[in-house]
Amino acid sequence: MRGAISCQPSALSSHPTWRGLQPAGSALLPSVSPVEHKRPDESGCGRHECLRHAGRVVVGAFLAVSAHAAAAPQTQSVMGIQLSKSGESLSVPMQIVILMTLLTLLPALVMSITPFLRIAIVLHFLRQALGTQTVPSNQVLVGIALFLTMLVISPVASDVYHQGWEPLQNNKLTVDQAFDAGAKPLKAFLVRFAREKDVKLFLEITKSPAPHTPDDLGLQILIPAYILSELKAGFQIGAVLFLPFLIIDMVVASVTLSIGMVQLPPVMLSAPFKILLFVLADGWNLVIGSLMKGFYA
């Protein structure tokens, strides 16, 4: 009887006999409709069903991925590099370590074995000669040097890619063979700008035999020799850039001293004249043009 009453509360409450049996204060009790009545554990069961369904989906996805990984070839590779034609390759963690190491050394390589070194030094000397402390800013100078470097080094990078990296990815060459093939364009570029005196210095330091041809030189000799040569070239260009602006500083300083303006810094008066001279002579075109012609000569 109690179950029947709880199942149909609205029907019994509307019966005249039931209304007569209700106590006087029962009108204050709220009536329960069939829509509002829920069992205590009904919502909990729904949540449990949702969790079970989500668990089935996760387990199914994990099993599918595991089956795909088991069906895939065992020689997985992050960079697509294999050590030999037989398909042997480094383990994935080792390849990740090598890749992260190369990415860490990439800025030093870009600044050392590319025209970026000379261009950055020349632009720094130019800013010092003009007397402008932060104009152009370091970011602007680095951006100019970087894009000019990309313009000069792009043919070399293309040759290195086609001669070394592509055959290595297609498993036509081993790592050692691909390294030797890709180093040939880079060696040809470094030999063009490395001075013989600097090459001889590092040959004597390492006690290496004298090469018969420039192609016989190793990168361990060419790279430091190229860096020294580029440093010297950059400082030579910087010294030449300083000369006309140094003359302006000397003239302004002598004029201010002769008229008794001792407390006025000559740099404040000479800076507008130096900037005006640089703009009238189209200095940016001359400097950048001379740098690029030096690399393409």
C-alpha atoms as a PDB file:
ATOM      1  CA  MET A   1       0.000   0.000   0.000  1.00  0.00           C
ATOM      2  CA  ARG A   2       2.841   2.371   0.824  1.00  0.00           C
ATOM      3  CA  GLY A   3       4.522   1.647  -2.533  1.00  0.00           C
ATOM      4  CA  ALA A   4       1.281   2.338  -4.382  1.00  0.00           C
ATOM      5  CA  ILE A   5       0.790   5.566  -2.547  1.00  0.00           C
ATOM      6  CA  SER A   6       4.359   6.754  -3.285  1.00  0.00           C
ATOM      7  CA  CYS A   7       3.990   5.894  -6.964  1.00  0.00           C
ATOM      8  CA  GLN A   8       0.761   7.918  -7.484  1.00  0.00           C
ATOM      9  CA  PRO A   9       0.703  10.716  -4.930  1.00  0.00           C
ATOM     10  CA  SER A  10      -1.174  13.175  -7.115  1.00  0.00           C
ATOM     11  CA  ALA A  11      -4.051  10.799  -7.868  1.00  0.00           C
ATOM     12  CA  LEU A  12      -4.638   9.885  -4.205  1.00  0.00           C
ATOM     13  CA  SER A  13      -4.424  13.459  -3.068  1.00  0.00           C
ATOM     14  CA  SER A  14      -7.254  14.393  -5.418  1.00  0.00           C
ATOM     15  CA  HIS A  15      -9.567  11.627  -4.077  1.00  0.00           C
ATOM     16  CA  PRO A  16     -12.292  12.934  -1.687  1.00  0.00           C
ATOM     17  CA  THR A  17     -11.704  10.139   0.837  1.00  0.00           C
ATOM     18  CA  TRP A  18      -7.981  10.937   1.002  1.00  0.00           C
ATOM     19  CA  ARG A  19      -8.735  14.619   1.493  1.00  0.00           C
ATOM     20  CA  GLY A  20     -10.910  13.727   4.410  1.00  0.00           C
ATOM     21  CA  LEU A  21      -8.227  11.610   6.033  1.00  0.00           C
ATOM     22  CA  GLN A  22      -5.583  14.374   5.843  1.00  0.00           C
ATOM     23  CA  PRO A  23      -4.857  16.216   9.090  1.00  0.00           C
ATOM     24  CA  ALA A  24      -5.683  19.847   9.490  1.00  0.00           C
ATOM     25  CA  GLY A  25      -2.093  21.038   9.221  1.00  0.00           C
ATOM     26  CA  SER A  26      -1.265  18.928   6.185  1.00  0.00           C
ATOM     27  CA  ALA A  27      -2.192  21.698   3.788  1.00  0.00           C
ATOM     28  CA  LEU A  28       1.098  23.316   4.646  1.00  0.00           C
ATOM     29  CA  LEU A  29       3.028  20.301   3.314  1.00  0.00           C
ATOM     30  CA  PRO A  30       4.237  20.601  -0.295  1.00  0.00           C
ATOM     31  CA  SER A  31       2.703  18.295  -2.822  1.00  0.00           C
ATOM     32  CA  VAL A  32       5.046  16.074  -4.826  1.00  0.00           C
ATOM     33  CA  SER A  33       4.456  15.712  -8.578  1.00  0.00           C
ATOM     34  CA  PRO A  34       5.606  12.715 -10.639  1.00  0.00           C
ATOM     35  CA  VAL A  35       8.071  14.907 -12.559  1.00  0.00           C
ATOM     36  CA  GLU A  36       9.837  16.165  -9.435  1.00  0.00           C
ATOM     37  CA  HIS A  37      10.007  12.768  -7.696  1.00  0.00           C
ATOM     38  CA  LYS A  38      13.399  11.023  -8.118  1.00  0.00           C
ATOM     39  CA  ARG A  39      14.927   8.097  -6.385  1.00  0.00           C
ATOM     40  CA  PRO A  40      17.929   8.942  -4.211  1.00  0.00           C
ATOM     41  CA  ASP A  41      20.401   6.957  -6.279  1.00  0.00           C
ATOM     42  CA  GLU A  42      19.062   7.787  -9.759  1.00  0.00           C
ATOM     43  CA  SER A  43      21.514  10.676 -10.481  1.00  0.00           C
ATOM     44  CA  GLY A  44      24.412   8.678  -9.073  1.00  0.00           C
ATOM     45  CA  CYS A  45      23.659   5.781 -11.414  1.00  0.00           C
ATOM     46  CA  GLY A  46      23.657   8.183 -14.376  1.00  0.00           C
ATOM     47  CA  ARG A  47      27.058   9.551 -13.460  1.00  0.00           C
ATOM     48  CA  HIS A  48      28.431   6.053 -13.046  1.00  0.00           C
ATOM     49  CA  GLU A  49      27.169   5.090 -16.493  1.00  0.00           C
ATOM     50  CA  CYS A  50      28.851   8.157 -18.029  1.00  0.00           C
ATOM     51  CA  LEU A  51      32.123   7.346 -16.299  1.00  0.00           C
ATOM     52  CA  ARG A  52      31.984   3.746 -17.495  1.00  0.00           C
ATOM     53  CA  HIS A  53      31.338   4.908 -21.063  1.00  0.00           C
ATOM     54  CA  ALA A  54      34.237   7.375 -20.951  1.00  0.00           C
ATOM     55  CA  GLY A  55      36.503   4.666 -19.543  1.00  0.00           C
ATOM     56  CA  ARG A  56      35.557   2.335 -22.393  1.00  0.00           C
ATOM     57  CA  VAL A  57      36.383   5.087 -24.929  1.00  0.00           C
ATOM     58  CA  VAL A  58      39.795   5.796 -23.351  1.00  0.00           C
ATOM     59  CA  VAL A  59      40.719   2.119 -23.120  1.00  0.00           C
ATOM     60  CA  GLY A  60      39.630   1.554 -26.708  1.00  0.00           C
ATOM     61  CA  ALA A  61      41.703   4.472 -27.967  1.00  0.00           C
ATOM     62  CA  PHE A  62      44.730   3.247 -26.008  1.00  0.00           C
ATOM     63  CA  LEU A  63      44.371  -0.248 -27.433  1.00  0.00           C
ATOM     64  CA  ALA A  64      44.060   1.159 -30.967  1.00  0.00           C
ATOM     65  CA  VAL A  65      47.216   3.249 -30.572  1.00  0.00           C
ATOM     66  CA  SER A  66      49.081   0.307 -29.080  1.00  0.00           C
ATOM     67  CA  ALA A  67      48.046  -1.925 -31.958  1.00  0.00           C
ATOM     68  CA  HIS A  68      49.154   0.714 -34.490  1.00  0.00           C
ATOM     69  CA  ALA A  69      52.509   1.092 -32.736  1.00  0.00           C
ATOM     70  CA  ALA A  70      52.998  -2.667 -32.678  1.00  0.00           C
ATOM     71  CA  ALA A  71      52.171  -2.919 -36.378  1.00  0.00           C
ATOM     72  CA  ALA A  72      54.550  -0.008 -37.265  1.00  0.00           C
ATOM     73  CA  PRO A  73      58.180  -0.776 -38.185  1.00  0.00           C
ATOM     74  CA  GLN A  74      60.574  -0.928 -35.276  1.00  0.00           C
ATOM     75  CA  THR A  75      63.099   1.506 -36.804  1.00  0.00           C
ATOM     76  CA  GLN A  76      61.297   4.698 -35.864  1.00  0.00           C
ATOM     77  CA  SER A  77      63.045   7.993 -36.467  1.00  0.00           C
ATOM     78  CA  VAL A  78      62.418  11.562 -35.415  1.00  0.00           C
ATOM     79  CA  MET A  79      64.550  13.272 -38.071  1.00  0.00           C
ATOM     80  CA  GLY A  80      64.218  10.579 -40.740  1.00  0.00           C
ATOM     81  CA  ILE A  81      67.920   9.695 -40.502  1.00  0.00           C
ATOM     82  CA  GLN A  82      69.245   6.175 -40.756  1.00  0.00           C
ATOM     83  CA  LEU A  83      72.824   5.182 -40.112  1.00  0.00           C
ATOM     84  CA  SER A  84      73.198   2.744 -42.988  1.00  0.00           C
ATOM     85  CA  LYS A  85      71.406   1.369 -46.006  1.00  0.00           C
ATOM     86  CA  SER A  86      70.329  -1.689 -44.029  1.00  0.00           C
ATOM     87  CA  GLY A  87      67.830   0.440 -42.112  1.00  0.00           C
ATOM     88  CA  GLU A  88      69.636   0.775 -38.793  1.00  0.00           C
ATOM     89  CA  SER A  89      68.958   4.050 -37.023  1.00  0.00           C
ATOM     90  CA  LEU A  90      69.615   5.716 -33.712  1.00  0.00           C
ATOM     91  CA  SER A  91      67.057   5.374 -30.959  1.00  0.00           C
ATOM     92  CA  VAL A  92      64.453   8.097 -30.686  1.00  0.00           C
ATOM     93  CA  PRO A  93      65.758   9.508 -27.351  1.00  0.00           C
ATOM     94  CA  MET A  94      69.285   9.731 -28.788  1.00  0.00           C
ATOM     95  CA  GLN A  95      68.000  11.527 -31.887  1.00  0.00           C
ATOM     96  CA  ILE A  96      66.111  13.995 -29.678  1.00  0.00           C
ATOM     97  CA  VAL A  97      69.295  14.675 -27.677  1.00  0.00           C
ATOM     98  CA  ILE A  98      71.256  15.276 -30.885  1.00  0.00           C
ATOM     99  CA  LEU A  99      68.538  17.556 -32.276  1.00  0.00           C
ATOM    100  CA  MET A 100      68.357  19.656 -29.089  1.00  0.00           C
ATOM    101  CA  THR A 101      72.163  19.949 -29.023  1.00  0.00           C
ATOM    102  CA  LEU A 102      72.216  21.156 -32.621  1.00  0.00           C
ATOM    103  CA  LEU A 103      69.487  23.704 -31.908  1.00  0.00           C
ATOM    104  CA  THR A 104      71.514  24.995 -28.936  1.00  0.00           C
ATOM    105  CA  LEU A 105      74.643  25.429 -31.069  1.00  0.00           C
ATOM    106  CA  LEU A 106      72.771  26.883 -34.045  1.00  0.00           C
ATOM    107  CA  PRO A 107      73.120  30.594 -33.040  1.00  0.00           C
ATOM    108  CA  ALA A 108      76.880  30.194 -32.544  1.00  0.00           C
ATOM    109  CA  LEU A 109      77.184  28.469 -35.921  1.00  0.00           C
ATOM    110  CA  VAL A 110      75.174  31.187 -37.649  1.00  0.00           C
ATOM    111  CA  MET A 111      77.354  33.918 -36.158  1.00  0.00           C
ATOM    112  CA  SER A 112      80.673  32.136 -36.753  1.00  0.00           C
ATOM    113  CA  ILE A 113      80.682  30.433 -40.140  1.00  0.00           C
ATOM    114  CA  THR A 114      78.508  32.866 -42.090  1.00  0.00           C
ATOM    115  CA  PRO A 115      78.899  36.501 -43.256  1.00  0.00           C
ATOM    116  CA  PHE A 116      76.870  37.497 -40.188  1.00  0.00           C
ATOM    117  CA  LEU A 117      80.129  38.010 -38.275  1.00  0.00           C
ATOM    118  CA  ARG A 118      81.574  40.660 -40.589  1.00  0.00           C
ATOM    119  CA  ILE A 119      78.252  42.413 -41.209  1.00  0.00           C
ATOM    120  CA  ALA A 120      77.426  42.698 -37.494  1.00  0.00           C
ATOM    121  CA  ILE A 121      80.887  44.103 -36.675  1.00  0.00           C
ATOM    122  CA  VAL A 122      80.713  46.701 -39.450  1.00  0.00           C
ATOM    123  CA  LEU A 123      77.224  47.864 -38.458  1.00  0.00           C
ATOM    124  CA  HIS A 124      78.310  48.152 -34.825  1.00  0.00           C
ATOM    125  CA  PHE A 125      81.315  50.290 -35.769  1.00  0.00           C
ATOM    126  CA  LEU A 126      79.094  52.436 -37.971  1.00  0.00           C
ATOM    127  CA  ARG A 127      76.735  53.184 -35.113  1.00  0.00           C
ATOM    128  CA  GLN A 128      79.648  54.056 -32.834  1.00  0.00           C
ATOM    129  CA  ALA A 129      81.141  56.352 -35.474  1.00  0.00           C
ATOM    130  CA  LEU A 130      77.863  58.206 -35.925  1.00  0.00           C
ATOM    131  CA  GLY A 131      77.657  58.808 -32.186  1.00  0.00           C
ATOM    132  CA  THR A 132      74.086  57.540 -31.874  1.00  0.00           C
ATOM    133  CA  GLN A 133      74.042  55.380 -28.784  1.00  0.00           C
ATOM    134  CA  THR A 134      70.970  53.212 -29.405  1.00  0.00           C
ATOM    135  CA  VAL A 135      69.870  54.199 -32.921  1.00  0.00           C
ATOM    136  CA  PRO A 136      69.554  51.872 -34.757  1.00  0.00           C
ATOM    137  CA  SER A 137      68.807  49.477 -31.912  1.00  0.00           C
ATOM    138  CA  ASN A 138      70.515  46.132 -31.475  1.00  0.00           C
ATOM    139  CA  GLN A 139      67.432  44.298 -32.759  1.00  0.00           C
ATOM    140  CA  VAL A 140      67.450  46.328 -35.971  1.00  0.00           C
ATOM    141  CA  LEU A 141      71.173  45.757 -36.554  1.00  0.00           C
ATOM    142  CA  VAL A 142      70.845  42.031 -35.896  1.00  0.00           C
ATOM    143  CA  GLY A 143      67.842  41.849 -38.229  1.00  0.00           C
ATOM    144  CA  ILE A 144      69.705  43.610 -41.046  1.00  0.00           C
ATOM    145  CA  ALA A 145      72.754  41.375 -40.563  1.00  0.00           C
ATOM    146  CA  LEU A 146      70.593  38.252 -40.465  1.00  0.00           C
ATOM    147  CA  PHE A 147      68.712  38.966 -43.678  1.00  0.00           C
ATOM    148  CA  LEU A 148      71.886  39.980 -45.513  1.00  0.00           C
ATOM    149  CA  THR A 149      73.478  36.743 -44.290  1.00  0.00           C
ATOM    150  CA  MET A 150      70.540  34.736 -45.626  1.00  0.00           C
ATOM    151  CA  LEU A 151      70.953  36.456 -48.981  1.00  0.00           C
ATOM    152  CA  VAL A 152      74.638  35.523 -49.205  1.00  0.00           C
ATOM    153  CA  ILE A 153      74.541  32.043 -47.702  1.00  0.00           C
ATOM    154  CA  SER A 154      71.355  30.742 -49.363  1.00  0.00           C
ATOM    155  CA  PRO A 155      73.166  29.238 -52.413  1.00  0.00           C
ATOM    156  CA  VAL A 156      75.617  27.444 -50.105  1.00  0.00           C
ATOM    157  CA  ALA A 157      72.810  26.149 -47.890  1.00  0.00           C
ATOM    158  CA  SER A 158      70.932  24.917 -50.959  1.00  0.00           C
ATOM    159  CA  ASP A 159      73.987  22.998 -52.184  1.00  0.00           C
ATOM    160  CA  VAL A 160      74.535  21.462 -48.742  1.00  0.00           C
ATOM    161  CA  TYR A 161      70.906  20.345 -48.629  1.00  0.00           C
ATOM    162  CA  HIS A 162      70.866  18.783 -52.093  1.00  0.00           C
ATOM    163  CA  GLN A 163      74.269  17.124 -51.838  1.00  0.00           C
ATOM    164  CA  GLY A 164      74.150  15.927 -48.246  1.00  0.00           C
ATOM    165  CA  TRP A 165      70.729  15.940 -46.619  1.00  0.00           C
ATOM    166  CA  GLU A 166      68.556  14.644 -49.454  1.00  0.00           C
ATOM    167  CA  PRO A 167      70.666  11.518 -50.155  1.00  0.00           C
ATOM    168  CA  LEU A 168      70.760  10.837 -46.414  1.00  0.00           C
ATOM    169  CA  GLN A 169      66.975  10.988 -46.112  1.00  0.00           C
ATOM    170  CA  ASN A 170      66.568   8.738 -49.148  1.00  0.00           C
ATOM    171  CA  ASN A 171      69.006   6.204 -47.626  1.00  0.00           C
ATOM    172  CA  LYS A 172      71.405   6.597 -50.542  1.00  0.00           C
ATOM    173  CA  LEU A 173      74.320   7.652 -48.311  1.00  0.00           C
ATOM    174  CA  THR A 174      75.428   6.891 -44.794  1.00  0.00           C
ATOM    175  CA  VAL A 175      75.897   9.616 -42.204  1.00  0.00           C
ATOM    176  CA  ASP A 176      79.664   9.872 -42.822  1.00  0.00           C
ATOM    177  CA  GLN A 177      79.257   9.991 -46.584  1.00  0.00           C
ATOM    178  CA  ALA A 178      76.490  12.590 -46.346  1.00  0.00           C
ATOM    179  CA  PHE A 179      78.616  14.718 -44.013  1.00  0.00           C
ATOM    180  CA  ASP A 180      81.542  14.668 -46.427  1.00  0.00           C
ATOM    181  CA  ALA A 181      79.307  15.489 -49.392  1.00  0.00           C
ATOM    182  CA  GLY A 182      77.522  18.311 -47.576  1.00  0.00           C
ATOM    183  CA  ALA A 183      80.778  19.800 -46.291  1.00  0.00           C
ATOM    184  CA  LYS A 184      82.171  20.393 -49.787  1.00  0.00           C
ATOM    185  CA  PRO A 185      80.044  23.522 -50.584  1.00  0.00           C
ATOM    186  CA  LEU A 186      80.733  24.905 -47.105  1.00  0.00           C
ATOM    187  CA  LYS A 187      84.482  24.334 -47.511  1.00  0.00           C
ATOM    188  CA  ALA A 188      84.424  26.103 -50.876  1.00  0.00           C
ATOM    189  CA  PHE A 189      82.746  29.113 -49.251  1.00  0.00           C
ATOM    190  CA  LEU A 190      85.124  29.238 -46.283  1.00  0.00           C
ATOM    191  CA  VAL A 191      88.235  28.892 -48.467  1.00  0.00           C
ATOM    192  CA  ARG A 192      87.245  32.001 -50.429  1.00  0.00           C
ATOM    193  CA  PHE A 193      87.477  34.261 -47.356  1.00  0.00           C
ATOM    194  CA  ALA A 194      89.978  32.493 -45.097  1.00  0.00           C
ATOM    195  CA  ARG A 195      93.417  34.066 -45.350  1.00  0.00           C
ATOM    196  CA  GLU A 196      96.397  31.852 -46.019  1.00  0.00           C
ATOM    197  CA  LYS A 197      98.196  33.264 -42.976  1.00  0.00           C
ATOM    198  CA  ASP A 198      95.374  32.233 -40.646  1.00  0.00           C
ATOM    199  CA  VAL A 199      95.148  28.766 -42.218  1.00  0.00           C
ATOM    200  CA  LYS A 200      98.876  28.313 -41.746  1.00  0.00           C
ATOM    201  CA  LEU A 201      98.585  29.390 -38.109  1.00  0.00           C
ATOM    202  CA  PHE A 202      96.067  26.673 -37.258  1.00  0.00           C
ATOM    203  CA  LEU A 203      97.962  24.067 -39.256  1.00  0.00           C
ATOM    204  CA  GLU A 204     100.986  24.809 -37.098  1.00  0.00           C
ATOM    205  CA  ILE A 205      98.951  24.756 -33.894  1.00  0.00           C
ATOM    206  CA  THR A 206      97.388  21.380 -34.682  1.00  0.00           C
ATOM    207  CA  LYS A 207     100.656  20.075 -36.244  1.00  0.00           C
ATOM    208  CA  SER A 208      98.721  18.909 -39.277  1.00  0.00           C
ATOM    209  CA  PRO A 209     100.470  18.167 -42.581  1.00  0.00           C
ATOM    210  CA  ALA A 210     100.259  20.809 -45.258  1.00  0.00           C
ATOM    211  CA  PRO A 211      97.416  20.043 -47.684  1.00  0.00           C
ATOM    212  CA  HIS A 212      98.102  19.609 -51.381  1.00  0.00           C
ATOM    213  CA  THR A 213      94.921  21.478 -52.395  1.00  0.00           C
ATOM    214  CA  PRO A 214      92.463  23.704 -50.515  1.00  0.00           C
ATOM    215  CA  ASP A 215      89.899  20.901 -50.727  1.00  0.00           C
ATOM    216  CA  ASP A 216      92.097  18.790 -48.449  1.00  0.00           C
ATOM    217  CA  LEU A 217      91.652  21.215 -45.556  1.00  0.00           C
ATOM    218  CA  GLY A 218      89.331  20.068 -42.792  1.00  0.00           C
ATOM    219  CA  LEU A 219      86.575  22.085 -41.194  1.00  0.00           C
ATOM    220  CA  GLN A 220      88.484  22.080 -37.892  1.00  0.00           C
ATOM    221  CA  ILE A 221      91.119  24.220 -39.648  1.00  0.00           C
ATOM    222  CA  LEU A 222      88.933  26.267 -41.964  1.00  0.00           C
ATOM    223  CA  ILE A 223      86.336  27.435 -39.452  1.00  0.00           C
ATOM    224  CA  PRO A 224      88.702  29.159 -36.945  1.00  0.00           C
ATOM    225  CA  ALA A 225      90.782  30.545 -39.813  1.00  0.00           C
ATOM    226  CA  TYR A 226      87.622  31.974 -41.387  1.00  0.00           C
ATOM    227  CA  ILE A 227      86.587  33.544 -38.070  1.00  0.00           C
ATOM    228  CA  LEU A 228      89.931  35.296 -37.661  1.00  0.00           C
ATOM    229  CA  SER A 229      89.858  36.507 -41.248  1.00  0.00           C
ATOM    230  CA  GLU A 230      86.351  37.902 -40.874  1.00  0.00           C
ATOM    231  CA  LEU A 231      87.258  39.636 -37.625  1.00  0.00           C
ATOM    232  CA  LYS A 232      90.189  41.349 -39.302  1.00  0.00           C
ATOM    233  CA  ALA A 233      88.106  42.359 -42.330  1.00  0.00           C
ATOM    234  CA  GLY A 234      85.344  43.747 -40.099  1.00  0.00           C
ATOM    235  CA  PHE A 235      87.767  45.811 -38.030  1.00  0.00           C
ATOM    236  CA  GLN A 236      89.469  47.149 -41.148  1.00  0.00           C
ATOM    237  CA  ILE A 237      86.145  48.320 -42.586  1.00  0.00           C
ATOM    238  CA  GLY A 238      85.192  49.810 -39.204  1.00  0.00           C
ATOM    239  CA  ALA A 239      88.439  51.796 -39.025  1.00  0.00           C
ATOM    240  CA  VAL A 240      87.822  53.214 -42.492  1.00  0.00           C
ATOM    241  CA  LEU A 241      84.276  54.182 -41.502  1.00  0.00           C
ATOM    242  CA  PHE A 242      85.556  56.026 -38.429  1.00  0.00           C
ATOM    243  CA  LEU A 243      87.921  58.329 -40.345  1.00  0.00           C
ATOM    244  CA  PRO A 244      85.477  60.880 -41.875  1.00  0.00           C
ATOM    245  CA  PHE A 245      83.446  61.140 -38.676  1.00  0.00           C
ATOM    246  CA  LEU A 246      86.637  61.479 -36.622  1.00  0.00           C
ATOM    247  CA  ILE A 247      87.628  64.465 -38.759  1.00  0.00           C
ATOM    248  CA  ILE A 248      84.278  66.108 -38.071  1.00  0.00           C
ATOM    249  CA  ASP A 249      84.744  65.546 -34.315  1.00  0.00           C
ATOM    250  CA  MET A 250      88.214  67.128 -34.422  1.00  0.00           C
ATOM    251  CA  VAL A 251      87.022  70.171 -36.384  1.00  0.00           C
ATOM    252  CA  VAL A 252      84.071  70.775 -34.067  1.00  0.00           C
ATOM    253  CA  ALA A 253      86.242  70.306 -30.971  1.00  0.00           C
ATOM    254  CA  SER A 254      88.850  72.823 -32.216  1.00  0.00           C
ATOM    255  CA  VAL A 255      86.168  75.367 -33.079  1.00  0.00           C
ATOM    256  CA  THR A 256      84.468  75.120 -29.690  1.00  0.00           C
ATOM    257  CA  LEU A 257      87.801  75.468 -27.879  1.00  0.00           C
ATOM    258  CA  SER A 258      88.824  78.458 -29.962  1.00  0.00           C
ATOM    259  CA  ILE A 259      85.666  80.387 -29.152  1.00  0.00           C
ATOM    260  CA  GLY A 260      85.865  79.518 -25.464  1.00  0.00           C
ATOM    261  CA  MET A 261      82.948  77.063 -25.282  1.00  0.00           C
ATOM    262  CA  VAL A 262      84.794  74.718 -22.970  1.00  0.00           C
ATOM    263  CA  GLN A 263      81.805  73.498 -20.978  1.00  0.00           C
ATOM    264  CA  LEU A 264      79.846  72.467 -24.104  1.00  0.00           C
ATOM    265  CA  PRO A 265      80.636  68.851 -25.121  1.00  0.00           C
ATOM    266  CA  PRO A 266      81.840  68.744 -28.750  1.00  0.00           C
ATOM    267  CA  VAL A 267      79.928  65.484 -29.280  1.00  0.00           C
ATOM    268  CA  MET A 268      76.603  67.310 -28.978  1.00  0.00           C
ATOM    269  CA  LEU A 269      77.569  69.703 -31.766  1.00  0.00           C
ATOM    270  CA  SER A 270      79.252  67.165 -34.029  1.00  0.00           C
ATOM    271  CA  ALA A 271      76.451  64.570 -33.962  1.00  0.00           C
ATOM    272  CA  PRO A 272      74.053  66.555 -36.235  1.00  0.00           C
ATOM    273  CA  PHE A 273      76.862  67.241 -38.716  1.00  0.00           C
ATOM    274  CA  LYS A 274      77.851  63.564 -38.845  1.00  0.00           C
ATOM    275  CA  ILE A 275      74.264  62.426 -39.365  1.00  0.00           C
ATOM    276  CA  LEU A 276      73.772  65.087 -42.056  1.00  0.00           C
ATOM    277  CA  LEU A 277      76.928  63.993 -43.856  1.00  0.00           C
ATOM    278  CA  PHE A 278      75.895  60.325 -43.662  1.00  0.00           C
ATOM    279  CA  VAL A 279      72.422  61.038 -45.043  1.00  0.00           C
ATOM    280  CA  LEU A 280      73.644  63.292 -47.862  1.00  0.00           C
ATOM    281  CA  ALA A 281      76.217  60.710 -48.947  1.00  0.00           C
ATOM    282  CA  ASP A 282      73.562  57.964 -48.879  1.00  0.00           C
ATOM    283  CA  GLY A 283      75.662  56.104 -46.355  1.00  0.00           C
ATOM    284  CA  TRP A 284      73.421  53.076 -45.892  1.00  0.00           C
ATOM    285  CA  ASN A 285      73.512  52.294 -49.587  1.00  0.00           C
ATOM    286  CA  LEU A 286      77.289  52.711 -49.720  1.00  0.00           C
ATOM    287  CA  VAL A 287      78.015  50.604 -46.642  1.00  0.00           C
ATOM    288  CA  ILE A 288      75.605  47.749 -47.374  1.00  0.00           C
ATOM    289  CA  GLY A 289      76.506  47.778 -51.074  1.00  0.00           C
ATOM    290  CA  SER A 290      80.235  47.582 -50.338  1.00  0.00           C
ATOM    291  CA  LEU A 291      79.687  44.715 -47.879  1.00  0.00           C
ATOM    292  CA  MET A 292      77.596  42.677 -50.310  1.00  0.00           C
ATOM    293  CA  LYS A 293      79.953  43.310 -53.220  1.00  0.00           C
ATOM    294  CA  GLY A 294      82.815  42.059 -51.072  1.00  0.00           C
ATOM    295  CA  PHE A 295      81.040  38.721 -50.633  1.00  0.00           C
ATOM    296  CA  TYR A 296      79.986  38.376 -54.263  1.00  0.00           C
ATOM    297  CA  ALA A 297      83.320  39.467 -55.768  1.00  0.00           C
END
